[in-house]
Amino acid sequence: MADSLTGAAVLIVEDEFYLADDLAAALTEAGARVLGPFGRVEDAQRLIESGQVVDLAILDIDLVGERVFPVADRLRALGAPFLFATGYDPEIIPDRLSDVPRMEKPVTAAAVMRLLADLHLSR
């Protein structure tokens, strides 16, 4: 199923270095084109606003005290599927984003890859 990620541009917005690095390595091995990782909302937004195509995204909800929801809103407006990888309870997610898949940390790269592949195939 990870084969379905070949060539996909996947945005990683995650401030935990080791997790971001593991995800980037697994995605690269699966043939995806990794965008990031970005540990700040501003940096991720800058990439999106540059016109860079984003096929899929992995978003950590809390980035050094800043919420990722503006990035999520922009991705939704562009029609790019994404998931939240977080240690926070679902209640922190605004109602407008409550349908977004959420993986509770700690997550494994393999589990994230499976969900991303499903999101990509259902596009």
Protein backbone atom coordinates (compact mmCIF):
# COMPACT_ATOMS: atom_id res chain seq x y z
CA MET A 1 0.00 0.00 0.00
CA ALA A 2 2.94 2.35 0.60
CA ASP A 3 3.49 2.05 -3.16
CA SER A 4 0.53 4.39 -3.55
CA LEU A 5 2.70 7.14 -2.04
CA THR A 6 5.25 7.01 -4.88
CA GLY A 7 5.65 10.51 -6.25
CA ALA A 8 3.26 12.08 -3.73
CA ALA A 9 4.34 15.40 -2.22
CA VAL A 10 3.89 14.93 1.53
CA LEU A 11 4.13 17.88 3.91
CA ILE A 12 5.41 17.13 7.41
CA VAL A 13 4.60 19.72 10.08
CA GLU A 14 6.13 18.31 13.27
CA ASP A 15 8.40 19.85 15.89
CA GLU A 16 9.65 16.60 17.45
CA PHE A 17 12.91 16.08 15.59
CA TYR A 18 13.19 12.30 15.88
CA LEU A 19 9.61 11.65 14.85
CA ALA A 20 9.87 14.10 11.94
CA ASP A 21 13.12 12.46 10.84
CA ASP A 22 11.63 8.94 11.05
CA LEU A 23 8.58 10.00 9.05
CA ALA A 24 10.71 11.73 6.42
CA ALA A 25 12.95 8.67 6.05
CA ALA A 26 10.00 6.27 5.72
CA LEU A 27 8.24 8.49 3.19
CA THR A 28 11.40 8.90 1.14
CA GLU A 29 11.92 5.14 1.14
CA ALA A 30 8.32 4.73 -0.09
CA GLY A 31 9.08 7.04 -3.00
CA ALA A 32 7.24 10.10 -1.71
CA ARG A 33 8.61 13.61 -2.08
CA VAL A 34 8.97 15.03 1.43
CA LEU A 35 8.17 18.69 2.03
CA GLY A 36 9.77 19.78 5.29
CA PRO A 37 9.72 18.79 8.01
CA PHE A 38 8.61 22.14 9.37
CA GLY A 39 8.49 22.84 13.09
CA ARG A 40 6.70 26.19 12.83
CA VAL A 41 3.28 27.13 11.48
CA GLU A 42 4.72 30.16 9.69
CA ASP A 43 7.22 28.05 7.73
CA ALA A 44 4.58 25.54 6.64
CA GLN A 45 2.23 28.33 5.58
CA ARG A 46 4.99 29.99 3.58
CA LEU A 47 5.56 26.77 1.63
CA ILE A 48 1.85 26.34 0.91
CA GLU A 49 1.43 29.96 -0.16
CA SER A 50 4.42 29.62 -2.51
CA GLY A 51 2.22 27.50 -4.75
CA GLN A 52 4.03 24.25 -3.96
CA VAL A 53 1.66 21.35 -4.60
CA VAL A 54 0.89 19.37 -1.44
CA ASP A 55 -0.74 15.98 -2.02
CA LEU A 56 -0.89 14.87 1.62
CA ALA A 57 0.18 16.16 5.01
CA ILE A 58 0.99 15.05 8.54
CA LEU A 59 0.28 17.73 11.12
CA ASP A 60 1.27 17.87 14.77
CA ILE A 61 -1.35 19.99 16.56
CA ASP A 62 1.02 21.82 18.91
CA LEU A 63 4.18 23.37 17.53
CA VAL A 64 6.11 24.99 20.38
CA GLY A 65 2.88 26.36 21.84
CA GLU A 66 1.37 27.37 18.50
CA ARG A 67 -1.62 25.49 17.07
CA VAL A 68 -1.42 24.11 13.52
CA PHE A 69 -5.06 24.80 12.64
CA PRO A 70 -4.36 27.66 10.18
CA VAL A 71 -2.27 25.19 8.14
CA ALA A 72 -5.06 22.61 8.36
CA ASP A 73 -7.62 25.17 7.17
CA ARG A 74 -5.47 26.09 4.17
CA LEU A 75 -4.86 22.44 3.23
CA ARG A 76 -8.58 21.76 3.45
CA ALA A 77 -9.31 24.74 1.19
CA LEU A 78 -6.84 23.32 -1.33
CA GLY A 79 -8.35 19.84 -1.14
CA ALA A 80 -5.18 18.21 0.22
CA PRO A 81 -5.92 15.31 2.60
CA PHE A 82 -4.11 15.36 5.92
CA LEU A 83 -4.02 13.75 9.34
CA PHE A 84 -3.25 14.94 12.84
CA ALA A 85 -0.52 13.13 14.79
CA THR A 86 -0.85 14.37 18.35
CA GLY A 87 -0.79 13.62 22.03
CA TYR A 88 -3.79 15.89 22.59
CA ASP A 89 -7.35 14.75 23.19
CA PRO A 90 -9.79 15.06 20.27
CA GLU A 91 -11.65 17.86 22.10
CA ILE A 92 -8.85 20.32 21.26
CA ILE A 93 -9.63 19.99 17.54
CA PRO A 94 -12.10 22.62 16.31
CA ASP A 95 -15.48 21.32 15.14
CA ARG A 96 -14.71 22.36 11.56
CA LEU A 97 -11.82 19.86 11.56
CA SER A 98 -13.36 17.11 13.69
CA ASP A 99 -13.62 14.76 10.69
CA VAL A 100 -9.85 14.80 10.08
CA PRO A 101 -8.16 11.48 10.93
CA ARG A 102 -6.26 11.70 14.22
CA MET A 103 -3.45 9.42 15.35
CA GLU A 104 -2.50 9.48 18.98
CA LYS A 105 1.20 9.77 19.81
CA PRO A 106 3.35 7.90 20.13
CA VAL A 107 2.90 6.92 16.49
CA THR A 108 5.01 4.69 14.33
CA ALA A 109 6.08 5.64 10.84
CA ALA A 110 4.49 2.42 9.54
CA ALA A 111 1.07 3.30 11.00
CA VAL A 112 1.25 6.84 9.63
CA MET A 113 2.24 5.51 6.21
CA ARG A 114 -0.75 3.14 6.13
CA LEU A 115 -3.18 5.96 6.94
CA LEU A 116 -1.55 8.32 4.43
CA ALA A 117 -1.80 5.64 1.74
CA ASP A 118 -5.49 5.18 2.54
CA LEU A 119 -6.07 8.94 2.36
CA HIS A 120 -4.21 9.14 -0.93
CA LEU A 121 -6.16 6.27 -2.48
CA SER A 122 -9.51 7.70 -1.37
CA ARG A 123 -8.76 11.07 -2.94
